[in-house]
Amino acid sequence: MISVSSTELSEGRDLARRDLKVGSKSFALAGKLLSEDVRQDAEICYSFCRYVDDCVDEVPAQQAPAAVVKLRALLDELYEGKIQADPRLSAFADLVRRTRMPREYPLALIDGMAMDAQGTEYETLCDLRLYCHRVAGVVGLMMCHVLGVRDDRALAQAAHLGIAMQLTNICRDVAEDWHRGRLYLPKNLAGAPGPASPGETLPVALGVTFRPAVKALLDEAEVYYQSGQRGLRHLSWRAALAIRVAAWVYRDIGRGVVRRNYDVGAGRVVIPLARKLWLAARAMVLSLAELPIRMFDGARPLSIPSRVARYPDDICVD
């Protein structure tokens, strides 16, 4: 694999930092809790995922399948060490080399984008779970290579946290996705034939109809949140704090939907900055309380994961 020049790397890091600041205020807040070098790597990882998502989401629907083909070719080139025109991709290539990130993870992310490009509809929660793993669970696995883990058993729990966050995203964005002609709620739960035509507004009555499906997805997300948070002990104290803050903010989005009685037509749930800071403070208190336990456990040093976690065998909750 080629080495990335310091100029390319610096430019890629700057662009990645901007992508995170613009794309996710919640992740940007959590990132401030990481050490500078780890934060930069996390930003690069996020920026690559954002790049992949935008390549499919920001083109006309008829061009999306071709965009997926290009992404797969780009990933091949990136892992073969070919020069990348976009500094963000050069920075990601450098990250891949340093962290030995398996190609299977970003490839699965692209496979998830392919499901969007194909307009995949989901018959059951099991079908949707695969999508959530591809677009978010693998991001948790990629982050294990960025943050380092003390035990490979944390891989499944990292994927679970990503899946939980994606389920929360889906429940928050039902009306917005409907407007774009997409419906991620499983058909056997939603009681509706499928998504609307792009631009159509979510009918009030249909928003009420979707409540059981939204509840089922948030209940499922809670199972994955609980598993994901058990894996935090395998991270460094500082990384565990940052991930806990991000998870708690996302979890609170789901709780906001619950407080609205699962009414997805009532507007997008937004967590105010003051509430985020309060959640961050609570996470800090809990993390400080865990310090004696960490010292007593005599945790092993952090290392790069030694195996590839595969779906469904290594990931699915029993």
Protein backbone atom coordinates (compact mmCIF):
# COMPACT_ATOMS: atom_id res chain seq x y z
CA MET A 1 0.00 0.00 0.00
CA ILE A 2 1.31 3.46 -0.89
CA SER A 3 2.31 5.95 1.76
CA VAL A 4 0.28 9.14 2.03
CA SER A 5 2.19 12.43 1.97
CA SER A 6 2.01 14.66 5.01
CA THR A 7 0.28 17.33 2.92
CA GLU A 8 -2.42 14.93 1.72
CA LEU A 9 -2.88 13.59 5.22
CA SER A 10 -3.19 17.06 6.72
CA GLU A 11 -5.72 18.12 4.09
CA GLY A 12 -7.67 14.89 4.52
CA ARG A 13 -7.80 15.36 8.29
CA ASP A 14 -9.02 18.94 7.89
CA LEU A 15 -11.80 17.85 5.55
CA ALA A 16 -12.73 14.95 7.84
CA ARG A 17 -12.98 17.31 10.82
CA ARG A 18 -15.28 19.56 8.81
CA ASP A 19 -17.42 16.60 7.72
CA LEU A 20 -17.96 15.52 11.32
CA LYS A 21 -18.70 19.04 12.53
CA VAL A 22 -21.32 19.54 9.82
CA GLY A 23 -22.70 16.01 9.67
CA SER A 24 -23.17 15.00 13.31
CA LYS A 25 -23.17 17.37 16.25
CA SER A 26 -23.66 14.43 18.63
CA PHE A 27 -20.59 12.56 17.38
CA ALA A 28 -18.62 15.82 17.28
CA LEU A 29 -19.41 16.39 20.96
CA ALA A 30 -18.34 12.85 21.87
CA GLY A 31 -15.18 13.21 19.80
CA LYS A 32 -14.01 16.11 21.94
CA LEU A 33 -13.52 13.59 24.76
CA LEU A 34 -10.93 11.57 22.80
CA SER A 35 -7.21 12.25 22.67
CA GLU A 36 -6.22 14.31 19.63
CA ASP A 37 -4.68 11.49 17.60
CA VAL A 38 -7.57 9.10 18.23
CA ARG A 39 -10.09 11.87 17.54
CA GLN A 40 -8.44 12.56 14.18
CA ASP A 41 -8.64 8.89 13.24
CA ALA A 42 -12.29 8.73 14.33
CA GLU A 43 -13.02 11.79 12.18
CA ILE A 44 -11.36 10.13 9.18
CA CYS A 45 -13.43 7.00 9.70
CA TYR A 46 -16.64 9.04 9.98
CA SER A 47 -15.72 11.07 6.90
CA PHE A 48 -15.25 7.94 4.80
CA CYS A 49 -18.63 6.60 5.92
CA ARG A 50 -20.22 9.97 5.10
CA TYR A 51 -18.53 9.95 1.69
CA VAL A 52 -19.97 6.50 0.90
CA ASP A 53 -23.44 7.54 2.06
CA ASP A 54 -23.42 10.80 0.08
CA CYS A 55 -22.28 9.06 -3.11
CA VAL A 56 -25.56 7.13 -3.11
CA ASP A 57 -27.97 9.50 -1.37
CA GLU A 58 -27.05 12.68 -3.23
CA VAL A 59 -27.55 11.42 -6.79
CA PRO A 60 -30.84 10.84 -8.63
CA ALA A 61 -32.37 7.46 -7.77
CA GLN A 62 -31.72 6.06 -11.25
CA GLN A 63 -28.01 6.80 -10.89
CA ALA A 64 -27.64 5.22 -7.44
CA PRO A 65 -26.88 1.64 -8.64
CA ALA A 66 -24.05 2.94 -10.82
CA ALA A 67 -22.73 4.92 -7.85
CA VAL A 68 -22.55 1.69 -5.84
CA VAL A 69 -20.55 0.02 -8.61
CA LYS A 70 -18.10 2.93 -8.57
CA LEU A 71 -17.78 2.73 -4.80
CA ARG A 72 -16.88 -0.95 -4.95
CA ALA A 73 -14.23 -0.22 -7.59
CA LEU A 74 -12.91 2.65 -5.48
CA LEU A 75 -12.62 0.39 -2.46
CA ASP A 76 -10.64 -2.13 -4.50
CA GLU A 77 -8.26 0.62 -5.59
CA LEU A 78 -7.94 1.93 -2.05
CA TYR A 79 -6.98 -1.48 -0.65
CA GLU A 80 -4.63 -2.08 -3.58
CA GLY A 81 -2.76 1.10 -2.62
CA LYS A 82 -3.63 3.20 -5.66
CA ILE A 83 -3.46 6.97 -5.42
CA GLN A 84 -6.76 8.64 -4.49
CA ALA A 85 -7.84 12.02 -5.84
CA ASP A 86 -9.86 12.94 -2.75
CA PRO A 87 -7.67 13.74 0.29
CA ARG A 88 -10.31 12.21 2.58
CA LEU A 89 -9.87 8.89 0.80
CA SER A 90 -6.08 9.20 1.03
CA ALA A 91 -6.43 9.77 4.77
CA PHE A 92 -8.72 6.75 5.04
CA ALA A 93 -6.22 4.64 3.08
CA ASP A 94 -3.55 5.64 5.59
CA LEU A 95 -5.93 4.72 8.44
CA VAL A 96 -6.62 1.33 6.88
CA ARG A 97 -2.89 0.63 6.64
CA ARG A 98 -2.11 1.68 10.20
CA THR A 99 -5.05 -0.08 11.87
CA ARG A 100 -5.17 -3.15 9.59
CA MET A 101 -8.88 -2.54 9.06
CA PRO A 102 -10.39 -5.53 7.21
CA ARG A 103 -11.77 -4.80 3.76
CA GLU A 104 -14.91 -6.73 4.71
CA TYR A 105 -16.17 -3.87 6.89
CA PRO A 106 -16.20 -0.97 4.40
CA LEU A 107 -17.41 -3.43 1.75
CA ALA A 108 -20.38 -4.32 3.94
CA LEU A 109 -21.08 -0.61 4.32
CA ILE A 110 -21.24 -0.29 0.55
CA ASP A 111 -23.51 -3.35 0.42
CA GLY A 112 -25.84 -1.49 2.78
CA MET A 113 -25.84 1.49 0.43
CA ALA A 114 -26.68 -0.92 -2.38
CA MET A 115 -29.83 -1.91 -0.49
CA ASP A 116 -30.86 1.75 -0.52
CA ALA A 117 -29.95 2.11 -4.19
CA GLN A 118 -32.13 -0.90 -5.02
CA GLY A 119 -35.05 0.48 -3.01
CA THR A 120 -35.06 -2.59 -0.77
CA GLU A 121 -38.19 -3.01 1.33
CA TYR A 122 -38.09 -5.02 4.54
CA GLU A 123 -40.57 -7.77 5.21
CA THR A 124 -39.47 -8.56 8.77
CA LEU A 125 -37.35 -7.18 11.57
CA CYS A 126 -34.75 -9.84 10.74
CA ASP A 127 -34.44 -8.38 7.22
CA LEU A 128 -34.04 -4.88 8.62
CA ARG A 129 -31.42 -6.08 11.10
CA LEU A 130 -29.13 -7.05 8.21
CA TYR A 131 -29.44 -3.54 6.78
CA CYS A 132 -28.70 -1.96 10.16
CA HIS A 133 -25.60 -4.08 10.54
CA ARG A 134 -24.30 -3.16 7.12
CA VAL A 135 -24.77 0.60 7.43
CA ALA A 136 -24.01 0.99 11.16
CA GLY A 137 -22.94 -2.24 12.85
CA VAL A 138 -19.83 -2.40 10.69
CA VAL A 139 -19.03 1.18 11.64
CA GLY A 140 -18.75 -0.04 15.22
CA LEU A 141 -16.40 -2.77 14.00
CA MET A 142 -14.31 -0.23 12.09
CA MET A 143 -14.09 1.89 15.22
CA CYS A 144 -12.67 -1.07 17.14
CA HIS A 145 -9.65 -0.77 14.85
CA VAL A 146 -9.50 2.98 15.45
CA LEU A 147 -9.87 2.83 19.24
CA GLY A 148 -8.27 -0.53 19.97
CA VAL A 149 -9.90 -3.15 22.21
CA ARG A 150 -8.73 -5.31 25.09
CA ASP A 151 -10.71 -8.38 23.99
CA ASP A 152 -12.05 -9.51 20.62
CA ARG A 153 -15.31 -10.38 22.33
CA ALA A 154 -16.01 -6.65 22.25
CA LEU A 155 -16.46 -6.79 18.46
CA ALA A 156 -20.02 -8.07 18.60
CA GLN A 157 -20.92 -5.52 21.25
CA ALA A 158 -19.48 -2.70 19.13
CA ALA A 159 -21.63 -3.84 16.23
CA HIS A 160 -24.64 -4.00 18.54
CA LEU A 161 -24.19 -0.36 19.50
CA GLY A 162 -24.13 0.63 15.84
CA ILE A 163 -27.26 -1.40 15.15
CA ALA A 164 -29.04 0.23 18.11
CA MET A 165 -28.18 3.71 16.85
CA GLN A 166 -29.40 2.89 13.34
CA LEU A 167 -32.71 1.55 14.66
CA THR A 168 -33.07 4.82 16.57
CA ASN A 169 -32.29 6.79 13.41
CA ILE A 170 -34.95 4.90 11.50
CA CYS A 171 -37.59 5.62 14.14
CA ARG A 172 -36.66 9.30 14.31
CA ASP A 173 -36.71 9.74 10.53
CA VAL A 174 -39.85 7.82 9.48
CA ALA A 175 -41.64 10.93 8.21
CA GLU A 176 -38.52 12.33 6.55
CA ASP A 177 -37.76 9.01 4.84
CA TRP A 178 -41.39 8.71 3.75
CA HIS A 179 -41.08 12.11 2.12
CA ARG A 180 -38.05 10.78 0.20
CA GLY A 181 -39.94 7.69 -0.95
CA ARG A 182 -38.40 5.28 1.55
CA LEU A 183 -39.86 3.16 4.32
CA TYR A 184 -37.58 1.13 6.56
CA LEU A 185 -40.25 -0.14 8.95
CA PRO A 186 -40.77 -3.90 8.42
CA LYS A 187 -43.96 -4.64 6.50
CA ASN A 188 -45.14 -7.29 8.95
CA LEU A 189 -45.09 -4.64 11.69
CA ALA A 190 -45.95 -1.43 9.87
CA GLY A 191 -49.29 -2.48 8.42
CA ALA A 192 -48.63 -0.46 5.27
CA PRO A 193 -47.85 -1.54 1.68
CA GLY A 194 -44.65 0.45 1.26
CA PRO A 195 -43.14 3.90 0.89
CA ALA A 196 -44.86 6.87 -0.68
CA SER A 197 -43.90 8.57 -3.89
CA PRO A 198 -41.02 11.00 -3.29
CA GLY A 199 -42.30 14.28 -1.92
CA GLU A 200 -45.52 12.90 -0.47
CA THR A 201 -46.21 13.96 3.11
CA LEU A 202 -46.77 11.30 5.76
CA PRO A 203 -50.53 11.16 6.45
CA VAL A 204 -51.50 11.67 10.09
CA ALA A 205 -53.52 8.45 10.15
CA LEU A 206 -50.58 6.48 8.76
CA GLY A 207 -48.29 7.95 11.41
CA VAL A 208 -50.63 6.48 14.01
CA THR A 209 -50.68 3.17 12.17
CA PHE A 210 -46.89 3.02 12.34
CA ARG A 211 -46.78 3.31 16.14
CA PRO A 212 -46.59 -0.47 16.87
CA ALA A 213 -43.73 -0.86 14.39
CA VAL A 214 -41.82 2.09 15.84
CA LYS A 215 -42.30 0.71 19.34
CA ALA A 216 -41.03 -2.71 18.26
CA LEU A 217 -37.91 -1.17 16.69
CA LEU A 218 -37.14 0.94 19.76
CA ASP A 219 -37.63 -2.09 22.02
CA GLU A 220 -35.16 -3.95 19.79
CA ALA A 221 -32.76 -1.03 19.93
CA GLU A 222 -32.83 -1.12 23.73
CA VAL A 223 -31.61 -4.74 23.70
CA TYR A 224 -28.69 -3.74 21.48
CA TYR A 225 -27.88 -0.63 23.52
CA GLN A 226 -27.60 -2.72 26.65
CA SER A 227 -25.30 -5.22 24.95
CA GLY A 228 -23.23 -2.48 23.35
CA GLN A 229 -22.63 -0.67 26.60
CA ARG A 230 -21.40 -3.87 28.26
CA GLY A 231 -18.57 -3.80 25.74
CA LEU A 232 -17.29 -0.41 26.88
CA ARG A 233 -15.13 -2.07 29.53
CA HIS A 234 -12.94 -3.40 26.72
CA LEU A 235 -12.03 0.15 25.59
CA SER A 236 -9.70 2.64 27.20
CA TRP A 237 -11.36 4.77 29.88
CA ARG A 238 -11.36 7.86 27.68
CA ALA A 239 -12.68 6.07 24.59
CA ALA A 240 -15.38 4.37 26.67
CA LEU A 241 -16.51 7.78 27.96
CA ALA A 242 -16.73 9.22 24.44
CA ILE A 243 -18.69 6.25 23.10
CA ARG A 244 -20.98 6.26 26.15
CA VAL A 245 -21.83 9.94 25.53
CA ALA A 246 -22.63 9.27 21.86
CA ALA A 247 -24.75 6.24 22.77
CA TRP A 248 -26.66 8.07 25.50
CA VAL A 249 -27.46 11.00 23.21
CA TYR A 250 -28.77 8.65 20.52
CA ARG A 251 -30.67 6.61 23.08
CA ASP A 252 -32.30 9.82 24.27
CA ILE A 253 -33.57 10.46 20.74
CA GLY A 254 -35.45 7.17 20.95
CA ARG A 255 -36.79 8.09 24.36
CA GLY A 256 -38.01 11.35 22.85
CA VAL A 257 -40.01 9.32 20.33
CA VAL A 258 -41.40 7.25 23.21
CA ARG A 259 -42.44 10.42 25.06
CA ARG A 260 -44.45 11.38 21.99
CA ASN A 261 -46.25 8.06 22.19
CA TYR A 262 -44.36 6.83 19.10
CA ASP A 263 -46.05 9.47 16.92
CA VAL A 264 -43.58 9.81 14.04
CA GLY A 265 -45.72 12.49 12.45
CA ALA A 266 -45.12 14.91 15.34
CA GLY A 267 -41.83 16.22 13.96
CA ARG A 268 -38.19 15.20 14.21
CA VAL A 269 -36.91 14.66 17.74
CA VAL A 270 -33.94 16.94 18.44
CA ILE A 271 -31.85 16.82 21.61
CA PRO A 272 -30.97 20.37 22.78
CA LEU A 273 -27.34 21.15 23.55
CA ALA A 274 -28.12 21.66 27.25
CA ARG A 275 -29.60 18.16 27.41
CA LYS A 276 -26.56 16.71 25.59
CA LEU A 277 -24.23 18.37 28.07
CA TRP A 278 -26.28 17.01 30.96
CA LEU A 279 -26.07 13.50 29.49
CA ALA A 280 -22.32 13.96 29.01
CA ALA A 281 -21.97 15.00 32.66
CA ARG A 282 -23.89 11.91 33.81
CA ALA A 283 -21.70 9.74 31.59
CA MET A 284 -18.61 11.31 33.15
CA VAL A 285 -19.86 10.55 36.67
CA LEU A 286 -20.55 6.91 35.77
CA SER A 287 -17.18 6.59 34.04
CA LEU A 288 -15.38 7.99 37.08
CA ALA A 289 -17.23 5.55 39.31
CA GLU A 290 -15.95 2.70 37.12
CA LEU A 291 -12.28 3.64 37.55
CA PRO A 292 -11.71 1.50 40.67
CA ILE A 293 -13.27 -1.50 38.92
CA ARG A 294 -10.98 -0.99 35.92
CA MET A 295 -7.94 -0.82 38.19
CA PHE A 296 -9.01 -3.92 40.08
CA ASP A 297 -9.62 -5.88 36.89
CA GLY A 298 -6.08 -5.21 35.68
CA ALA A 299 -7.28 -4.79 32.12
CA ARG A 300 -5.08 -6.01 29.30
CA PRO A 301 -3.46 -3.40 27.02
CA LEU A 302 -5.34 -2.18 23.98
CA SER A 303 -4.62 -3.87 20.67
CA ILE A 304 -5.94 -4.10 17.13
CA PRO A 305 -8.62 -6.82 16.79
CA SER A 306 -7.15 -10.10 15.61
CA ARG A 307 -10.17 -11.44 13.72
CA VAL A 308 -13.01 -10.35 11.45
CA ALA A 309 -16.49 -10.40 12.96
CA ARG A 310 -19.05 -11.70 10.46
CA TYR A 311 -22.80 -11.35 10.23
CA PRO A 312 -24.93 -13.13 11.36
CA ASP A 313 -22.88 -15.77 13.21
CA ASP A 314 -20.71 -13.39 15.26
CA ILE A 315 -23.22 -10.58 15.64
CA CYS A 316 -26.83 -11.63 16.17
CA VAL A 317 -28.20 -11.54 19.71
CA ASP A 318 -29.42 -14.94 20.88
